[in-house]
Amino acid sequence: MPDELHRRYQDAYTAHQEHARTCTTCTDTSRCPTGQRLYEAFTRLQDAYLNRQRQQRR
């Protein structure tokens, strides 16, 4: 059974990447409001997933 947090993290990554490919405002160091929201959602979910992975390995 797929891990729900992992799926959400991967979906957020995909949404961020798709936006970055089409947005003419976003760069690696500056993002439009939508790009910033998508990037923050991705990094928050990534951090949560990786922290949980570390906890489980202890």
PDB file of N, CA and C in Angstrom:
ATOM      1  N   MET A   1       0.847  -1.185   0.000  1.00  0.00           N
ATOM      2  CA  MET A   1       0.000   0.000   0.000  1.00  0.00           C
ATOM      3  C   MET A   1       0.892   1.250   0.000  1.00  0.00           C
ATOM      4  N   PRO A   2       0.680   2.158  -0.940  1.00  0.00           N
ATOM      5  CA  PRO A   2       1.508   3.359  -1.008  1.00  0.00           C
ATOM      6  C   PRO A   2       1.363   4.221   0.243  1.00  0.00           C
ATOM      7  N   ASP A   3       2.446   4.838   0.601  1.00  0.00           N
ATOM      8  CA  ASP A   3       2.502   5.731   1.745  1.00  0.00           C
ATOM      9  C   ASP A   3       1.831   7.057   1.368  1.00  0.00           C
ATOM     10  N   GLU A   4       0.822   7.467   2.117  1.00  0.00           N
ATOM     11  CA  GLU A   4       0.063   8.683   1.818  1.00  0.00           C
ATOM     12  C   GLU A   4       0.950   9.929   1.857  1.00  0.00           C
ATOM     13  N   LEU A   5       1.808  10.044   2.847  1.00  0.00           N
ATOM     14  CA  LEU A   5       2.684  11.208   2.943  1.00  0.00           C
ATOM     15  C   LEU A   5       3.656  11.253   1.768  1.00  0.00           C
ATOM     16  N   HIS A   6       4.182  10.114   1.397  1.00  0.00           N
ATOM     17  CA  HIS A   6       5.097  10.067   0.247  1.00  0.00           C
ATOM     18  C   HIS A   6       4.374  10.477  -1.029  1.00  0.00           C
ATOM     19  N   ARG A   7       3.167  10.004  -1.215  1.00  0.00           N
ATOM     20  CA  ARG A   7       2.386  10.360  -2.407  1.00  0.00           C
ATOM     21  C   ARG A   7       2.128  11.862  -2.442  1.00  0.00           C
ATOM     22  N   ARG A   8       1.748  12.442  -1.305  1.00  0.00           N
ATOM     23  CA  ARG A   8       1.492  13.882  -1.245  1.00  0.00           C
ATOM     24  C   ARG A   8       2.764  14.676  -1.533  1.00  0.00           C
ATOM     25  N   TYR A   9       3.885  14.212  -1.001  1.00  0.00           N
ATOM     26  CA  TYR A   9       5.174  14.859  -1.224  1.00  0.00           C
ATOM     27  C   TYR A   9       5.524  14.811  -2.709  1.00  0.00           C
ATOM     28  N   GLN A  10       5.347  13.671  -3.344  1.00  0.00           N
ATOM     29  CA  GLN A  10       5.648  13.545  -4.769  1.00  0.00           C
ATOM     30  C   GLN A  10       4.686  14.368  -5.631  1.00  0.00           C
ATOM     31  N   ASP A  11       3.415  14.413  -5.252  1.00  0.00           N
ATOM     32  CA  ASP A  11       2.445  15.238  -5.986  1.00  0.00           C
ATOM     33  C   ASP A  11       2.803  16.716  -5.887  1.00  0.00           C
ATOM     34  N   ALA A  12       3.251  17.151  -4.714  1.00  0.00           N
ATOM     35  CA  ALA A  12       3.654  18.548  -4.531  1.00  0.00           C
ATOM     36  C   ALA A  12       4.880  18.859  -5.384  1.00  0.00           C
ATOM     37  N   TYR A  13       5.809  17.917  -5.452  1.00  0.00           N
ATOM     38  CA  TYR A  13       7.003  18.095  -6.294  1.00  0.00           C
ATOM     39  C   TYR A  13       6.587  18.241  -7.758  1.00  0.00           C
ATOM     40  N   THR A  14       5.704  17.382  -8.212  1.00  0.00           N
ATOM     41  CA  THR A  14       5.238  17.424  -9.602  1.00  0.00           C
ATOM     42  C   THR A  14       4.545  18.749  -9.901  1.00  0.00           C
ATOM     43  N   ALA A  15       3.685  19.206  -8.995  1.00  0.00           N
ATOM     44  CA  ALA A  15       2.984  20.478  -9.200  1.00  0.00           C
ATOM     45  C   ALA A  15       3.978  21.630  -9.270  1.00  0.00           C
ATOM     46  N   HIS A  16       4.958  21.620  -8.402  1.00  0.00           N
ATOM     47  CA  HIS A  16       5.973  22.673  -8.410  1.00  0.00           C
ATOM     48  C   HIS A  16       6.767  22.644  -9.718  1.00  0.00           C
ATOM     49  N   GLN A  17       7.195  21.469 -10.152  1.00  0.00           N
ATOM     50  CA  GLN A  17       7.977  21.346 -11.384  1.00  0.00           C
ATOM     51  C   GLN A  17       7.166  21.768 -12.612  1.00  0.00           C
ATOM     52  N   GLU A  18       5.909  21.366 -12.668  1.00  0.00           N
ATOM     53  CA  GLU A  18       5.062  21.737 -13.806  1.00  0.00           C
ATOM     54  C   GLU A  18       4.883  23.251 -13.869  1.00  0.00           C
ATOM     55  N   HIS A  19       4.672  23.861 -12.713  1.00  0.00           N
ATOM     56  CA  HIS A  19       4.530  25.317 -12.675  1.00  0.00           C
ATOM     57  C   HIS A  19       5.828  25.982 -13.134  1.00  0.00           C
ATOM     58  N   ALA A  20       6.957  25.528 -12.613  1.00  0.00           N
ATOM     59  CA  ALA A  20       8.252  26.126 -12.938  1.00  0.00           C
ATOM     60  C   ALA A  20       8.549  26.042 -14.436  1.00  0.00           C
ATOM     61  N   ARG A  21       8.103  24.980 -15.081  1.00  0.00           N
ATOM     62  CA  ARG A  21       8.342  24.824 -16.524  1.00  0.00           C
ATOM     63  C   ARG A  21       7.563  25.835 -17.356  1.00  0.00           C
ATOM     64  N   THR A  22       6.415  26.274 -16.851  1.00  0.00           N
ATOM     65  CA  THR A  22       5.555  27.138 -17.663  1.00  0.00           C
ATOM     66  C   THR A  22       5.540  28.597 -17.223  1.00  0.00           C
ATOM     67  N   CYS A  23       5.985  28.876 -16.015  1.00  0.00           N
ATOM     68  CA  CYS A  23       5.925  30.244 -15.493  1.00  0.00           C
ATOM     69  C   CYS A  23       7.105  31.057 -16.019  1.00  0.00           C
ATOM     70  N   THR A  24       6.804  32.210 -16.572  1.00  0.00           N
ATOM     71  CA  THR A  24       7.862  33.071 -17.097  1.00  0.00           C
ATOM     72  C   THR A  24       8.441  33.978 -16.017  1.00  0.00           C
ATOM     73  N   THR A  25       7.859  34.003 -14.845  1.00  0.00           N
ATOM     74  CA  THR A  25       8.320  34.855 -13.749  1.00  0.00           C
ATOM     75  C   THR A  25       9.271  34.121 -12.812  1.00  0.00           C
ATOM     76  N   CYS A  26       9.029  32.859 -12.581  1.00  0.00           N
ATOM     77  CA  CYS A  26       9.809  32.088 -11.612  1.00  0.00           C
ATOM     78  C   CYS A  26      11.222  31.802 -12.120  1.00  0.00           C
ATOM     79  N   THR A  27      12.180  31.912 -11.187  1.00  0.00           N
ATOM     80  CA  THR A  27      13.560  31.510 -11.430  1.00  0.00           C
ATOM     81  C   THR A  27      13.981  30.623 -10.262  1.00  0.00           C
ATOM     82  N   ASP A  28      15.237  30.207 -10.243  1.00  0.00           N
ATOM     83  CA  ASP A  28      15.724  29.387  -9.131  1.00  0.00           C
ATOM     84  C   ASP A  28      15.770  30.158  -7.817  1.00  0.00           C
ATOM     85  N   THR A  29      15.889  31.480  -7.896  1.00  0.00           N
ATOM     86  CA  THR A  29      16.030  32.284  -6.680  1.00  0.00           C
ATOM     87  C   THR A  29      14.857  33.202  -6.400  1.00  0.00           C
ATOM     88  N   SER A  30      13.924  33.317  -7.322  1.00  0.00           N
ATOM     89  CA  SER A  30      12.772  34.187  -7.160  1.00  0.00           C
ATOM     90  C   SER A  30      11.544  33.495  -7.739  1.00  0.00           C
ATOM     91  N   ARG A  31      10.432  33.572  -7.012  1.00  0.00           N
ATOM     92  CA  ARG A  31       9.219  32.888  -7.460  1.00  0.00           C
ATOM     93  C   ARG A  31       8.027  33.825  -7.420  1.00  0.00           C
ATOM     94  N   CYS A  32       7.097  33.606  -8.316  1.00  0.00           N
ATOM     95  CA  CYS A  32       5.830  34.332  -8.275  1.00  0.00           C
ATOM     96  C   CYS A  32       5.040  33.819  -7.073  1.00  0.00           C
ATOM     97  N   PRO A  33       3.960  34.472  -6.675  1.00  0.00           N
ATOM     98  CA  PRO A  33       3.199  34.006  -5.504  1.00  0.00           C
ATOM     99  C   PRO A  33       2.735  32.549  -5.613  1.00  0.00           C
ATOM    100  N   THR A  34       2.267  32.154  -6.775  1.00  0.00           N
ATOM    101  CA  THR A  34       1.830  30.762  -6.948  1.00  0.00           C
ATOM    102  C   THR A  34       3.016  29.818  -6.858  1.00  0.00           C
ATOM    103  N   GLY A  35       4.103  30.175  -7.510  1.00  0.00           N
ATOM    104  CA  GLY A  35       5.308  29.353  -7.457  1.00  0.00           C
ATOM    105  C   GLY A  35       5.844  29.227  -6.045  1.00  0.00           C
ATOM    106  N   GLN A  36       5.803  30.315  -5.290  1.00  0.00           N
ATOM    107  CA  GLN A  36       6.274  30.285  -3.906  1.00  0.00           C
ATOM    108  C   GLN A  36       5.395  29.373  -3.058  1.00  0.00           C
ATOM    109  N   ARG A  37       4.087  29.458  -3.246  1.00  0.00           N
ATOM    110  CA  ARG A  37       3.162  28.593  -2.497  1.00  0.00           C
ATOM    111  C   ARG A  37       3.424  27.124  -2.809  1.00  0.00           C
ATOM    112  N   LEU A  38       3.601  26.803  -4.082  1.00  0.00           N
ATOM    113  CA  LEU A  38       3.856  25.417  -4.482  1.00  0.00           C
ATOM    114  C   LEU A  38       5.200  24.929  -3.947  1.00  0.00           C
ATOM    115  N   TYR A  39       6.217  25.793  -3.995  1.00  0.00           N
ATOM    116  CA  TYR A  39       7.542  25.424  -3.487  1.00  0.00           C
ATOM    117  C   TYR A  39       7.494  25.186  -1.974  1.00  0.00           C
ATOM    118  N   GLU A  40       6.810  26.049  -1.252  1.00  0.00           N
ATOM    119  CA  GLU A  40       6.699  25.887   0.202  1.00  0.00           C
ATOM    120  C   GLU A  40       5.939  24.619   0.563  1.00  0.00           C
ATOM    121  N   ALA A  41       4.885  24.301  -0.181  1.00  0.00           N
ATOM    122  CA  ALA A  41       4.143  23.063   0.080  1.00  0.00           C
ATOM    123  C   ALA A  41       5.040  21.852  -0.158  1.00  0.00           C
ATOM    124  N   PHE A  42       5.792  21.880  -1.245  1.00  0.00           N
ATOM    125  CA  PHE A  42       6.711  20.786  -1.555  1.00  0.00           C
ATOM    126  C   PHE A  42       7.766  20.627  -0.455  1.00  0.00           C
ATOM    127  N   THR A  43       8.422  21.722  -0.071  1.00  0.00           N
ATOM    128  CA  THR A  43       9.493  21.607   0.932  1.00  0.00           C
ATOM    129  C   THR A  43       8.952  21.192   2.294  1.00  0.00           C
ATOM    130  N   ARG A  44       7.758  21.667   2.647  1.00  0.00           N
ATOM    131  CA  ARG A  44       7.157  21.274   3.934  1.00  0.00           C
ATOM    132  C   ARG A  44       6.861  19.774   3.954  1.00  0.00           C
ATOM    133  N   LEU A  45       6.282  19.259   2.878  1.00  0.00           N
ATOM    134  CA  LEU A  45       5.973  17.833   2.804  1.00  0.00           C
ATOM    135  C   LEU A  45       7.239  16.988   2.705  1.00  0.00           C
ATOM    136  N   GLN A  46       8.226  17.473   1.978  1.00  0.00           N
ATOM    137  CA  GLN A  46       9.495  16.756   1.878  1.00  0.00           C
ATOM    138  C   GLN A  46      10.150  16.656   3.257  1.00  0.00           C
ATOM    139  N   ASP A  47      10.185  17.755   3.976  1.00  0.00           N
ATOM    140  CA  ASP A  47      10.767  17.744   5.324  1.00  0.00           C
ATOM    141  C   ASP A  47      10.025  16.767   6.233  1.00  0.00           C
ATOM    142  N   ALA A  48       8.703  16.787   6.174  1.00  0.00           N
ATOM    143  CA  ALA A  48       7.907  15.884   7.016  1.00  0.00           C
ATOM    144  C   ALA A  48       8.203  14.429   6.666  1.00  0.00           C
ATOM    145  N   TYR A  49       8.267  14.134   5.394  1.00  0.00           N
ATOM    146  CA  TYR A  49       8.533  12.761   4.966  1.00  0.00           C
ATOM    147  C   TYR A  49       9.930  12.310   5.393  1.00  0.00           C
ATOM    148  N   LEU A  50      10.929  13.138   5.135  1.00  0.00           N
ATOM    149  CA  LEU A  50      12.301  12.763   5.482  1.00  0.00           C
ATOM    150  C   LEU A  50      12.499  12.656   6.997  1.00  0.00           C
ATOM    151  N   ASN A  51      11.870  13.539   7.743  1.00  0.00           N
ATOM    152  CA  ASN A  51      11.950  13.447   9.207  1.00  0.00           C
ATOM    153  C   ASN A  51      11.315  12.158   9.711  1.00  0.00           C
ATOM    154  N   ARG A  52      10.199  11.772   9.132  1.00  0.00           N
ATOM    155  CA  ARG A  52       9.560  10.520   9.534  1.00  0.00           C
ATOM    156  C   ARG A  52      10.442   9.327   9.167  1.00  0.00           C
ATOM    157  N   GLN A  53      11.084   9.378   8.004  1.00  0.00           N
ATOM    158  CA  GLN A  53      11.981   8.296   7.606  1.00  0.00           C
ATOM    159  C   GLN A  53      13.139   8.169   8.615  1.00  0.00           C
ATOM    160  N   ARG A  54      13.687   9.298   9.029  1.00  0.00           N
ATOM    161  CA  ARG A  54      14.780   9.266  10.008  1.00  0.00           C
ATOM    162  C   ARG A  54      14.317   8.674  11.335  1.00  0.00           C
ATOM    163  N   GLN A  55      13.127   9.051  11.760  1.00  0.00           N
ATOM    164  CA  GLN A  55      12.562   8.552  13.023  1.00  0.00           C
ATOM    165  C   GLN A  55      12.380   7.043  12.972  1.00  0.00           C
ATOM    166  N   GLN A  56      11.944   6.533  11.846  1.00  0.00           N
ATOM    167  CA  GLN A  56      11.688   5.104  11.711  1.00  0.00           C
ATOM    168  C   GLN A  56      12.976   4.286  11.683  1.00  0.00           C
ATOM    169  N   ARG A  57      14.073   4.893  11.295  1.00  0.00           N
ATOM    170  CA  ARG A  57      15.353   4.188  11.220  1.00  0.00           C
ATOM    171  C   ARG A  57      16.035   4.069  12.575  1.00  0.00           C
ATOM    172  N   ARG A  58      15.593   4.803  13.532  1.00  0.00           N
ATOM    173  CA  ARG A  58      16.228   4.781  14.865  1.00  0.00           C
ATOM    174  C   ARG A  58      15.908   3.526  15.603  1.00  0.00           C
TER     175      ARG A  58
END
